[in-house]
Amino acid sequence: MARAVTEEEDPLVASTFLGAAANADQDLKPWLDYVDTLTGPDADAGIARLAQYWADDPPGHQPMLWWFPEDPFAAVRDWLYSDLLHERLKRMGDLATQIAIAQM
């Protein structure tokens, strides 16, 4: 999972891995919590790419969840609006992603 977030340039790869992992226990939140534990510049960049990807087109870019929750984007939305992500993006100076999230 860490490599999908930190090493892949295409955020679809990380989104796909997160969705697949979440399907195992029918819960995306623990996997988003795990992503928040990743550190370093590659993690920051990958997390920013993933956040931008999800914020740009929420219905089209939501993770594929096989258990069909009532609101499949709820955990992602909560993560995008989390203080932890906001502080990371602010520390990075990633204003574009912050704006995309605010405009959702």
Protein backbone atom coordinates (compact mmCIF):
# COMPACT_ATOMS: atom_id res chain seq x y z
CA MET A 1 0.00 0.00 0.00
CA ALA A 2 2.75 2.42 0.93
CA ARG A 3 4.45 1.95 -2.43
CA ALA A 4 1.20 2.64 -4.29
CA VAL A 5 0.90 5.96 -2.48
CA THR A 6 4.55 7.01 -2.42
CA GLU A 7 5.98 5.64 -5.67
CA GLU A 8 3.19 5.68 -8.24
CA GLU A 9 2.65 8.92 -10.15
CA ASP A 10 -0.92 7.97 -11.09
CA PRO A 11 -3.22 8.40 -8.07
CA LEU A 12 -5.64 5.90 -9.61
CA VAL A 13 -3.19 3.16 -8.57
CA ALA A 14 -3.33 4.23 -4.90
CA SER A 15 -7.11 4.63 -5.07
CA THR A 16 -7.44 1.14 -6.54
CA PHE A 17 -5.20 -0.42 -3.88
CA LEU A 18 -7.07 1.37 -1.09
CA GLY A 19 -10.40 0.18 -2.46
CA ALA A 20 -9.16 -3.40 -2.77
CA ALA A 21 -7.79 -3.42 0.77
CA ALA A 22 -11.01 -1.91 2.12
CA ASN A 23 -13.05 -4.62 0.45
CA ALA A 24 -11.38 -7.25 2.63
CA ASP A 25 -12.92 -5.86 5.81
CA GLN A 26 -15.60 -3.61 4.30
CA ASP A 27 -14.11 -0.48 5.83
CA LEU A 28 -12.04 2.16 4.09
CA LYS A 29 -11.32 4.33 7.14
CA PRO A 30 -8.55 2.16 8.65
CA TRP A 31 -6.71 2.25 5.34
CA LEU A 32 -7.00 6.04 5.12
CA ASP A 33 -5.72 6.19 8.70
CA TYR A 34 -2.77 4.07 7.57
CA VAL A 35 -2.07 6.45 4.69
CA ASP A 36 -1.95 9.29 7.22
CA THR A 37 0.93 7.52 9.01
CA LEU A 38 3.18 7.61 5.94
CA THR A 39 5.99 10.12 6.25
CA GLY A 40 8.59 11.79 4.10
CA PRO A 41 8.52 13.87 0.95
CA ASP A 42 7.40 10.97 -1.28
CA ALA A 43 4.49 10.26 1.06
CA ASP A 44 3.54 13.93 1.14
CA ALA A 45 3.58 14.12 -2.64
CA GLY A 46 1.62 10.89 -3.08
CA ILE A 47 -0.99 11.87 -0.51
CA ALA A 48 -1.39 15.26 -2.18
CA ARG A 49 -1.86 13.55 -5.58
CA LEU A 50 -4.46 11.21 -4.11
CA ALA A 51 -6.33 14.03 -2.37
CA GLN A 52 -6.31 16.13 -5.55
CA TYR A 53 -7.54 13.14 -7.57
CA TRP A 54 -10.45 12.48 -5.24
CA ALA A 55 -11.33 16.16 -4.80
CA ASP A 56 -11.35 16.91 -8.55
CA ASP A 57 -14.20 14.53 -9.39
CA PRO A 58 -15.73 12.86 -6.32
CA PRO A 59 -18.35 10.73 -8.10
CA GLY A 60 -16.00 9.64 -10.86
CA HIS A 61 -12.92 9.04 -8.75
CA GLN A 62 -14.31 7.27 -5.71
CA PRO A 63 -12.67 3.97 -4.77
CA MET A 64 -14.36 0.83 -6.05
CA LEU A 65 -16.06 -0.70 -3.01
CA TRP A 66 -17.67 -4.08 -3.59
CA TRP A 67 -19.93 -4.04 -0.57
CA PHE A 68 -21.88 -1.04 -1.92
CA PRO A 69 -22.11 1.21 1.14
CA GLU A 70 -24.93 3.74 1.19
CA ASP A 71 -22.44 6.59 0.69
CA PRO A 72 -19.29 5.11 -0.89
CA PHE A 73 -17.48 8.46 -0.73
CA ALA A 74 -18.18 9.15 2.98
CA ALA A 75 -14.83 7.91 4.33
CA VAL A 76 -12.93 9.69 1.56
CA ARG A 77 -14.87 12.91 2.16
CA ASP A 78 -14.13 12.72 5.89
CA TRP A 79 -10.45 12.15 5.13
CA LEU A 80 -10.33 15.04 2.65
CA TYR A 81 -11.81 17.36 5.27
CA SER A 82 -9.64 16.03 8.11
CA ASP A 83 -7.40 18.33 10.09
CA LEU A 84 -4.49 15.94 9.63
CA LEU A 85 -4.65 16.14 5.83
CA HIS A 86 -5.24 19.88 5.91
CA GLU A 87 -2.16 20.40 8.10
CA ARG A 88 -0.03 18.21 5.82
CA LEU A 89 -1.12 20.10 2.71
CA LYS A 90 -0.60 23.42 4.47
CA ARG A 91 2.89 22.37 5.59
CA MET A 92 3.67 21.38 2.00
CA GLY A 93 2.30 24.66 0.65
CA ASP A 94 -0.07 22.73 -1.64
CA LEU A 95 -2.67 25.42 -2.17
CA ALA A 96 -4.10 23.81 -5.35
CA THR A 97 -5.22 20.68 -3.50
CA GLN A 98 -6.60 22.73 -0.61
CA ILE A 99 -8.67 24.76 -3.09
CA ALA A 100 -9.92 21.61 -4.86
CA ILE A 101 -11.06 20.18 -1.53
CA ALA A 102 -12.76 23.46 -0.55
CA GLN A 103 -14.62 23.55 -3.86
CA MET A 104 -16.06 20.04 -3.54
